[in-house]
N, C-alpha and C. Protein backbone atom coordinates (compact mmCIF):
# COMPACT_ATOMS: atom_id res chain seq x y z
N UNK A 1 20.58 -38.92 -17.81
CA UNK A 1 21.12 -37.56 -17.89
C UNK A 1 22.26 -37.52 -18.89
N UNK A 2 22.76 -36.40 -19.09
CA UNK A 2 23.80 -36.20 -20.12
C UNK A 2 25.01 -37.14 -19.92
N UNK A 3 25.52 -37.20 -18.67
CA UNK A 3 26.68 -38.05 -18.40
C UNK A 3 26.40 -39.49 -18.66
N UNK A 4 25.23 -39.95 -18.49
CA UNK A 4 24.88 -41.35 -18.69
C UNK A 4 24.48 -41.68 -20.17
N UNK A 5 24.53 -40.62 -21.06
CA UNK A 5 24.31 -40.84 -22.48
C UNK A 5 22.87 -40.68 -22.91
N UNK A 6 22.07 -39.88 -22.25
CA UNK A 6 20.66 -39.69 -22.64
C UNK A 6 20.49 -39.28 -24.04
N UNK A 7 21.30 -38.38 -24.54
CA UNK A 7 21.18 -37.90 -25.88
C UNK A 7 21.54 -38.97 -26.88
N UNK A 8 22.48 -39.81 -26.56
CA UNK A 8 22.79 -40.94 -27.42
C UNK A 8 21.67 -41.97 -27.51
N UNK A 9 21.08 -42.23 -26.34
CA UNK A 9 19.92 -43.13 -26.34
C UNK A 9 18.83 -42.59 -27.23
N UNK A 10 18.53 -41.30 -27.11
CA UNK A 10 17.52 -40.66 -27.94
C UNK A 10 17.86 -40.75 -29.42
N UNK A 11 19.09 -40.42 -29.76
CA UNK A 11 19.49 -40.49 -31.16
C UNK A 11 19.47 -41.91 -31.73
N UNK A 12 19.87 -42.88 -30.91
CA UNK A 12 19.84 -44.29 -31.34
C UNK A 12 18.42 -44.78 -31.51
N UNK A 13 17.53 -44.37 -30.55
CA UNK A 13 16.17 -44.75 -30.58
C UNK A 13 15.46 -44.24 -31.80
N UNK A 14 15.73 -42.97 -32.10
CA UNK A 14 15.10 -42.40 -33.34
C UNK A 14 15.60 -43.12 -34.62
N UNK A 15 16.87 -43.40 -34.64
CA UNK A 15 17.44 -44.12 -35.80
C UNK A 15 16.82 -45.51 -35.91
N UNK A 16 16.71 -46.22 -34.83
CA UNK A 16 16.11 -47.58 -34.90
C UNK A 16 14.61 -47.55 -35.17
N UNK A 17 13.94 -46.50 -34.72
CA UNK A 17 12.50 -46.36 -35.06
C UNK A 17 12.33 -46.18 -36.56
N UNK A 18 13.22 -45.49 -37.19
CA UNK A 18 13.22 -45.30 -38.64
C UNK A 18 13.39 -46.59 -39.45
N UNK A 19 14.32 -47.38 -38.96
CA UNK A 19 14.68 -48.62 -39.64
C UNK A 19 13.87 -49.82 -39.22
N UNK A 20 13.23 -49.76 -38.04
CA UNK A 20 12.51 -50.87 -37.46
C UNK A 20 13.31 -52.18 -37.33
N UNK A 21 14.64 -52.00 -37.21
CA UNK A 21 15.49 -53.18 -37.04
C UNK A 21 15.34 -53.77 -35.66
N UNK A 22 15.10 -52.98 -34.62
CA UNK A 22 15.02 -53.41 -33.27
C UNK A 22 14.22 -52.45 -32.43
N UNK A 23 13.78 -52.93 -31.30
CA UNK A 23 13.06 -52.09 -30.32
C UNK A 23 14.07 -51.60 -29.29
N UNK A 24 13.79 -50.48 -28.73
CA UNK A 24 14.60 -50.00 -27.62
C UNK A 24 13.72 -50.05 -26.35
N UNK A 25 14.34 -50.63 -25.29
CA UNK A 25 13.74 -50.73 -23.98
C UNK A 25 14.69 -50.05 -23.03
N UNK A 26 14.26 -49.04 -22.32
CA UNK A 26 15.13 -48.32 -21.39
C UNK A 26 14.77 -48.81 -19.98
N UNK A 27 15.79 -49.36 -19.34
CA UNK A 27 15.61 -49.73 -17.91
C UNK A 27 16.11 -48.50 -17.16
N UNK A 28 15.24 -47.81 -16.46
CA UNK A 28 15.57 -46.57 -15.84
C UNK A 28 14.77 -45.49 -16.44
N UNK A 29 15.29 -44.25 -16.37
CA UNK A 29 14.59 -43.09 -16.89
C UNK A 29 15.54 -42.41 -17.91
N UNK A 30 14.94 -41.55 -18.76
CA UNK A 30 15.76 -40.76 -19.68
C UNK A 30 15.40 -39.27 -19.40
N UNK A 31 16.39 -38.43 -19.39
CA UNK A 31 16.19 -37.04 -19.14
C UNK A 31 15.13 -36.45 -20.08
N UNK A 32 14.17 -35.65 -19.49
CA UNK A 32 13.11 -35.10 -20.34
C UNK A 32 13.56 -34.23 -21.50
N UNK A 33 14.77 -33.71 -21.45
CA UNK A 33 15.21 -32.88 -22.58
C UNK A 33 15.69 -33.74 -23.78
N UNK A 34 15.59 -35.07 -23.59
CA UNK A 34 15.91 -35.98 -24.71
C UNK A 34 14.69 -36.78 -25.07
N UNK A 35 13.83 -36.24 -25.84
CA UNK A 35 12.57 -36.94 -26.14
C UNK A 35 12.84 -38.21 -26.96
N UNK A 36 12.04 -39.20 -26.61
CA UNK A 36 12.20 -40.54 -27.32
C UNK A 36 11.04 -40.76 -28.25
N UNK A 37 11.22 -41.58 -29.28
CA UNK A 37 10.07 -41.91 -30.14
C UNK A 37 9.10 -42.79 -29.37
N UNK A 38 7.82 -42.82 -29.86
CA UNK A 38 6.79 -43.55 -29.15
C UNK A 38 7.04 -45.03 -29.11
N UNK A 39 7.94 -45.52 -29.98
CA UNK A 39 8.22 -46.97 -30.03
C UNK A 39 9.06 -47.40 -28.84
N UNK A 40 9.63 -46.52 -28.11
CA UNK A 40 10.54 -46.89 -26.99
C UNK A 40 9.71 -47.16 -25.77
N UNK A 41 10.04 -48.25 -25.04
CA UNK A 41 9.45 -48.60 -23.76
C UNK A 41 10.39 -48.16 -22.69
N UNK A 42 9.90 -47.31 -21.77
CA UNK A 42 10.67 -46.86 -20.66
C UNK A 42 10.14 -47.51 -19.42
N UNK A 43 10.95 -48.44 -18.80
CA UNK A 43 10.51 -49.29 -17.70
C UNK A 43 10.53 -48.49 -16.39
N UNK A 44 11.45 -47.55 -16.27
CA UNK A 44 11.62 -46.86 -15.01
C UNK A 44 12.61 -47.59 -14.04
N UNK A 45 12.51 -47.26 -12.81
CA UNK A 45 13.37 -47.90 -11.82
C UNK A 45 13.22 -49.41 -11.80
N UNK A 46 14.26 -50.08 -11.39
CA UNK A 46 14.27 -51.52 -11.26
C UNK A 46 15.29 -51.95 -10.20
N UNK A 47 15.23 -53.20 -9.75
CA UNK A 47 16.24 -53.75 -8.89
C UNK A 47 16.94 -54.86 -9.62
N UNK A 48 18.07 -55.27 -9.07
CA UNK A 48 18.82 -56.33 -9.68
C UNK A 48 17.95 -57.60 -9.77
N UNK A 49 17.12 -57.87 -8.77
CA UNK A 49 16.25 -59.01 -8.78
C UNK A 49 15.20 -58.94 -9.95
N UNK A 50 14.91 -57.80 -10.46
CA UNK A 50 13.94 -57.61 -11.52
C UNK A 50 14.49 -57.97 -12.88
N UNK A 51 15.87 -58.05 -13.03
CA UNK A 51 16.41 -58.14 -14.38
C UNK A 51 15.98 -59.41 -15.11
N UNK A 52 15.97 -60.60 -14.51
CA UNK A 52 15.56 -61.75 -15.27
C UNK A 52 14.12 -61.59 -15.80
N UNK A 53 13.21 -61.09 -15.03
CA UNK A 53 11.84 -60.88 -15.49
C UNK A 53 11.81 -59.87 -16.58
N UNK A 54 12.53 -58.79 -16.47
CA UNK A 54 12.54 -57.76 -17.46
C UNK A 54 13.13 -58.21 -18.81
N UNK A 55 14.12 -59.04 -18.72
CA UNK A 55 14.75 -59.60 -19.94
C UNK A 55 13.67 -60.45 -20.64
N UNK A 56 12.97 -61.30 -19.90
CA UNK A 56 11.99 -62.14 -20.49
C UNK A 56 10.79 -61.39 -20.96
N UNK A 57 10.28 -60.48 -20.22
CA UNK A 57 9.07 -59.73 -20.53
C UNK A 57 9.25 -58.91 -21.80
N UNK A 58 10.40 -58.29 -21.97
CA UNK A 58 10.66 -57.38 -23.06
C UNK A 58 11.47 -57.97 -24.16
N UNK A 59 11.85 -59.27 -24.08
CA UNK A 59 12.59 -59.88 -25.15
C UNK A 59 13.95 -59.22 -25.37
N UNK A 60 14.57 -58.80 -24.26
CA UNK A 60 15.87 -58.09 -24.40
C UNK A 60 16.93 -59.06 -24.93
N UNK A 61 17.59 -58.60 -25.99
CA UNK A 61 18.63 -59.49 -26.61
C UNK A 61 20.02 -58.97 -26.47
N UNK A 62 20.19 -57.73 -26.05
CA UNK A 62 21.53 -57.19 -25.75
C UNK A 62 21.40 -55.93 -24.94
N UNK A 63 22.50 -55.44 -24.41
CA UNK A 63 22.52 -54.24 -23.61
C UNK A 63 23.40 -53.19 -24.27
N UNK A 64 22.95 -51.95 -24.10
CA UNK A 64 23.81 -50.77 -24.55
C UNK A 64 23.98 -49.93 -23.31
N UNK A 65 25.25 -49.72 -22.96
CA UNK A 65 25.63 -48.85 -21.85
C UNK A 65 26.21 -47.55 -22.49
N UNK A 66 25.37 -46.55 -22.64
CA UNK A 66 25.87 -45.34 -23.43
C UNK A 66 26.52 -44.24 -22.53
N UNK A 67 27.02 -44.63 -21.39
CA UNK A 67 27.60 -43.66 -20.47
C UNK A 67 28.79 -42.91 -21.15
N UNK A 68 28.78 -41.59 -20.95
CA UNK A 68 29.83 -40.72 -21.50
C UNK A 68 30.83 -40.30 -20.45
N UNK A 69 30.63 -40.77 -19.24
CA UNK A 69 31.45 -40.40 -18.12
C UNK A 69 32.32 -41.60 -17.73
N UNK A 70 33.67 -41.44 -17.70
CA UNK A 70 34.56 -42.50 -17.38
C UNK A 70 34.53 -42.87 -15.88
N UNK A 71 33.57 -43.65 -15.47
CA UNK A 71 33.47 -44.04 -14.05
C UNK A 71 34.59 -45.01 -13.72
N UNK A 72 34.96 -45.08 -12.43
CA UNK A 72 35.97 -46.02 -12.05
C UNK A 72 35.39 -47.45 -11.97
N UNK A 73 34.15 -47.54 -11.69
CA UNK A 73 33.46 -48.84 -11.60
C UNK A 73 32.03 -48.64 -12.05
N UNK A 74 31.43 -49.54 -12.85
CA UNK A 74 30.11 -49.43 -13.30
C UNK A 74 29.29 -50.63 -12.91
N UNK A 75 28.41 -50.49 -11.92
CA UNK A 75 27.55 -51.58 -11.51
C UNK A 75 26.70 -52.04 -12.64
N UNK A 76 26.10 -51.11 -13.36
CA UNK A 76 25.18 -51.43 -14.46
C UNK A 76 25.91 -52.25 -15.51
N UNK A 77 27.16 -51.91 -15.80
CA UNK A 77 27.92 -52.71 -16.79
C UNK A 77 28.12 -54.12 -16.28
N UNK A 78 28.49 -54.25 -15.01
CA UNK A 78 28.69 -55.59 -14.41
C UNK A 78 27.45 -56.43 -14.41
N UNK A 79 26.29 -55.76 -14.06
CA UNK A 79 25.03 -56.48 -13.97
C UNK A 79 24.62 -56.93 -15.38
N UNK A 80 24.85 -56.08 -16.35
CA UNK A 80 24.46 -56.38 -17.76
C UNK A 80 25.33 -57.54 -18.29
N UNK A 81 26.63 -57.44 -18.06
CA UNK A 81 27.56 -58.50 -18.50
C UNK A 81 27.20 -59.88 -17.84
N UNK A 82 26.75 -59.80 -16.59
CA UNK A 82 26.50 -61.03 -15.85
C UNK A 82 25.30 -61.78 -16.48
N UNK A 83 24.47 -61.19 -17.28
CA UNK A 83 23.36 -61.86 -17.85
C UNK A 83 23.78 -62.77 -18.96
N UNK A 84 24.94 -62.58 -19.53
CA UNK A 84 25.45 -63.37 -20.61
C UNK A 84 25.12 -62.80 -21.97
N UNK A 85 24.18 -61.79 -21.98
CA UNK A 85 23.83 -61.15 -23.27
C UNK A 85 24.94 -60.29 -23.73
N UNK A 86 25.04 -60.03 -25.05
CA UNK A 86 26.03 -59.05 -25.53
C UNK A 86 25.77 -57.68 -24.89
N UNK A 87 26.88 -57.01 -24.57
CA UNK A 87 26.82 -55.73 -23.86
C UNK A 87 27.81 -54.76 -24.56
N UNK A 88 27.29 -53.69 -25.04
CA UNK A 88 28.05 -52.68 -25.77
C UNK A 88 28.14 -51.37 -24.99
N UNK A 89 29.32 -50.75 -25.09
CA UNK A 89 29.48 -49.44 -24.44
C UNK A 89 30.75 -48.78 -24.90
N UNK A 90 30.87 -47.55 -24.50
CA UNK A 90 32.04 -46.80 -24.94
C UNK A 90 33.28 -47.18 -24.17
N UNK A 91 34.44 -47.02 -24.81
CA UNK A 91 35.70 -47.46 -24.27
C UNK A 91 36.20 -46.38 -23.27
N UNK A 92 35.56 -46.22 -22.15
CA UNK A 92 35.83 -45.25 -21.17
C UNK A 92 35.90 -45.85 -19.78
N UNK A 93 36.92 -45.53 -19.03
CA UNK A 93 36.98 -45.88 -17.61
C UNK A 93 36.64 -47.35 -17.27
N UNK A 94 36.03 -47.46 -16.11
CA UNK A 94 35.69 -48.82 -15.62
C UNK A 94 34.79 -49.67 -16.53
N UNK A 95 33.84 -48.95 -17.18
CA UNK A 95 32.93 -49.72 -18.09
C UNK A 95 33.67 -50.30 -19.29
N UNK A 96 34.61 -49.45 -19.84
CA UNK A 96 35.38 -49.95 -20.98
C UNK A 96 36.29 -51.10 -20.58
N UNK A 97 36.87 -50.97 -19.36
CA UNK A 97 37.74 -52.07 -18.86
C UNK A 97 36.98 -53.37 -18.73
N UNK A 98 35.72 -53.29 -18.15
CA UNK A 98 34.91 -54.48 -17.90
C UNK A 98 34.49 -55.06 -19.25
N UNK A 99 34.05 -54.23 -20.18
CA UNK A 99 33.64 -54.72 -21.51
C UNK A 99 34.76 -55.46 -22.23
N UNK A 100 35.98 -54.88 -22.15
CA UNK A 100 37.09 -55.49 -22.85
C UNK A 100 37.43 -56.89 -22.28
N UNK A 101 37.24 -57.00 -20.99
CA UNK A 101 37.61 -58.27 -20.25
C UNK A 101 36.56 -59.37 -20.52
N UNK A 102 35.35 -59.00 -20.79
CA UNK A 102 34.22 -60.02 -20.86
C UNK A 102 34.08 -60.52 -22.28
N UNK A 103 33.82 -61.81 -22.42
CA UNK A 103 33.64 -62.42 -23.71
C UNK A 103 32.39 -61.82 -24.40
N UNK A 104 31.42 -61.42 -23.68
CA UNK A 104 30.22 -60.83 -24.23
C UNK A 104 30.23 -59.30 -24.29
N UNK A 105 31.35 -58.69 -23.99
CA UNK A 105 31.51 -57.29 -24.02
C UNK A 105 32.06 -56.80 -25.36
N UNK A 106 31.49 -55.63 -25.80
CA UNK A 106 31.99 -54.99 -27.04
C UNK A 106 32.21 -53.51 -26.73
N UNK A 107 33.43 -53.02 -26.99
CA UNK A 107 33.71 -51.59 -26.81
C UNK A 107 33.50 -50.85 -28.12
N UNK A 108 33.07 -49.66 -27.97
CA UNK A 108 32.78 -48.79 -29.12
C UNK A 108 33.61 -47.51 -28.88
N UNK A 109 34.33 -47.04 -29.87
CA UNK A 109 35.18 -45.82 -29.75
C UNK A 109 34.18 -44.64 -29.65
N UNK A 110 34.46 -43.82 -28.64
CA UNK A 110 33.68 -42.54 -28.48
C UNK A 110 34.15 -41.45 -29.46
N UNK A 111 33.19 -40.86 -30.14
CA UNK A 111 33.54 -39.90 -31.12
C UNK A 111 33.22 -38.42 -30.68
N UNK A 112 32.55 -38.32 -29.52
CA UNK A 112 32.14 -37.02 -28.95
C UNK A 112 31.24 -36.21 -29.88
N UNK A 113 30.38 -36.92 -30.62
CA UNK A 113 29.39 -36.25 -31.46
C UNK A 113 28.11 -37.21 -31.32
N UNK A 114 27.02 -36.68 -30.90
CA UNK A 114 25.89 -37.52 -30.59
C UNK A 114 25.49 -38.41 -31.83
N UNK A 115 25.27 -37.79 -33.00
CA UNK A 115 24.91 -38.66 -34.13
C UNK A 115 25.92 -39.68 -34.44
N UNK A 116 27.22 -39.26 -34.46
CA UNK A 116 28.25 -40.20 -34.79
C UNK A 116 28.37 -41.32 -33.79
N UNK A 117 28.18 -40.98 -32.46
CA UNK A 117 28.23 -42.01 -31.47
C UNK A 117 27.05 -42.96 -31.59
N UNK A 118 25.86 -42.42 -31.86
CA UNK A 118 24.67 -43.31 -32.05
C UNK A 118 24.90 -44.24 -33.25
N UNK A 119 25.49 -43.76 -34.33
CA UNK A 119 25.77 -44.53 -35.53
C UNK A 119 26.86 -45.58 -35.20
N UNK A 120 27.84 -45.23 -34.36
CA UNK A 120 28.85 -46.23 -33.98
C UNK A 120 28.27 -47.35 -33.20
N UNK A 121 27.33 -47.01 -32.30
CA UNK A 121 26.67 -48.05 -31.57
C UNK A 121 25.82 -48.90 -32.44
N UNK A 122 25.09 -48.30 -33.41
CA UNK A 122 24.30 -49.07 -34.31
C UNK A 122 25.14 -49.98 -35.19
N UNK A 123 26.27 -49.49 -35.58
CA UNK A 123 27.21 -50.31 -36.39
C UNK A 123 27.66 -51.55 -35.55
N UNK A 124 27.96 -51.33 -34.25
CA UNK A 124 28.41 -52.41 -33.37
C UNK A 124 27.28 -53.37 -33.16
N UNK A 125 26.01 -52.84 -33.02
CA UNK A 125 24.87 -53.77 -32.92
C UNK A 125 24.72 -54.62 -34.19
N UNK A 126 24.81 -53.97 -35.29
CA UNK A 126 24.64 -54.71 -36.57
C UNK A 126 25.76 -55.73 -36.76
N UNK A 127 26.92 -55.60 -36.08
CA UNK A 127 28.02 -56.55 -36.25
C UNK A 127 27.85 -57.75 -35.30
N UNK A 128 26.83 -57.71 -34.37
CA UNK A 128 26.61 -58.86 -33.46
C UNK A 128 26.10 -60.05 -34.27
N UNK A 129 26.59 -61.20 -33.92
CA UNK A 129 26.13 -62.40 -34.58
C UNK A 129 24.62 -62.53 -34.40
N UNK A 130 23.97 -62.85 -35.49
CA UNK A 130 22.49 -63.03 -35.45
C UNK A 130 21.69 -61.77 -35.48
N UNK A 131 22.32 -60.58 -35.80
CA UNK A 131 21.51 -59.36 -35.80
C UNK A 131 20.66 -59.37 -37.05
N UNK A 132 19.39 -58.94 -36.96
CA UNK A 132 18.80 -58.41 -35.75
C UNK A 132 18.53 -59.56 -34.78
N UNK A 133 18.78 -59.31 -33.48
CA UNK A 133 18.67 -60.39 -32.48
C UNK A 133 17.25 -60.81 -32.33
N UNK A 134 17.05 -62.07 -32.07
CA UNK A 134 15.72 -62.60 -31.90
C UNK A 134 15.03 -62.01 -30.72
N UNK A 135 13.81 -61.71 -30.86
CA UNK A 135 13.05 -61.18 -29.70
C UNK A 135 12.98 -62.19 -28.55
N UNK A 136 12.95 -63.45 -28.91
CA UNK A 136 12.84 -64.52 -27.85
C UNK A 136 14.13 -65.30 -27.75
N UNK A 137 15.16 -64.68 -27.24
CA UNK A 137 16.44 -65.29 -27.12
C UNK A 137 16.46 -66.47 -26.15
N UNK A 138 17.50 -67.27 -26.14
CA UNK A 138 17.63 -68.36 -25.20
C UNK A 138 17.59 -67.88 -23.80
N UNK A 139 18.25 -66.73 -23.54
CA UNK A 139 18.26 -66.17 -22.19
C UNK A 139 16.82 -65.72 -21.82
N UNK A 140 16.12 -65.15 -22.74
CA UNK A 140 14.75 -64.75 -22.45
C UNK A 140 13.89 -65.97 -22.09
N UNK A 141 14.11 -67.07 -22.88
CA UNK A 141 13.36 -68.25 -22.59
C UNK A 141 13.67 -68.84 -21.19
N UNK A 142 14.94 -68.82 -20.93
CA UNK A 142 15.38 -69.31 -19.53
C UNK A 142 14.74 -68.44 -18.47
N UNK A 143 14.76 -67.12 -18.66
CA UNK A 143 14.25 -66.21 -17.66
C UNK A 143 12.74 -66.47 -17.48
N UNK A 144 12.03 -66.60 -18.60
CA UNK A 144 10.61 -66.81 -18.57
C UNK A 144 10.26 -68.11 -17.84
N UNK A 145 11.05 -69.10 -18.05
CA UNK A 145 10.85 -70.44 -17.44
C UNK A 145 11.36 -70.52 -15.99
N UNK A 146 12.01 -69.44 -15.52
CA UNK A 146 12.53 -69.46 -14.14
C UNK A 146 13.88 -70.09 -14.04
N UNK A 147 14.58 -70.33 -15.16
CA UNK A 147 15.88 -70.96 -15.11
C UNK A 147 17.02 -70.00 -15.41
N UNK A 148 16.82 -68.73 -15.17
CA UNK A 148 17.79 -67.71 -15.41
C UNK A 148 18.99 -67.88 -14.47
N UNK A 149 20.16 -67.88 -14.96
CA UNK A 149 21.39 -68.06 -14.21
C UNK A 149 22.31 -66.87 -14.47
N UNK A 150 22.79 -66.19 -13.46
CA UNK A 150 23.76 -65.17 -13.65
C UNK A 150 25.10 -65.79 -13.95
N UNK A 151 25.78 -65.19 -14.89
CA UNK A 151 27.14 -65.56 -15.17
C UNK A 151 28.16 -64.83 -14.31
N UNK A 152 29.35 -65.13 -14.40
CA UNK A 152 30.39 -64.40 -13.63
C UNK A 152 31.22 -63.63 -14.66
N UNK A 153 31.54 -62.39 -14.34
CA UNK A 153 32.38 -61.57 -15.16
C UNK A 153 33.58 -61.19 -14.41
């Protein structure tokens, strides 16, 4: 929905579809008023136990938490950080605090403009070591082989 950054996901997905630098996989749903390009995979609902399988199956190399609402605590941010993969999000509330504390967290300044925010996230993605990230990351290999271990954040 709007508070969780659906419009930013859509803008980022359209931008990445143009450049073909990376694929977008959405864990969860995206509001219907934010149409996505055909290249985006929308997984739908998931449980925490599903994450290792989803990382391996889709070759997920990093997480983007596009929430525009400053929550006091973000379970999704904590779950994403715990995978050990790079995790990007806006410097707001609990998610910003968690991202700043974690070695794999990256905060992005919120600009309050959908296109500018999507570009800021894309710039942060491009600044990640090894970008574009390999489709078959070490974490993906571990997950596929059943050796996935949650980190602590």
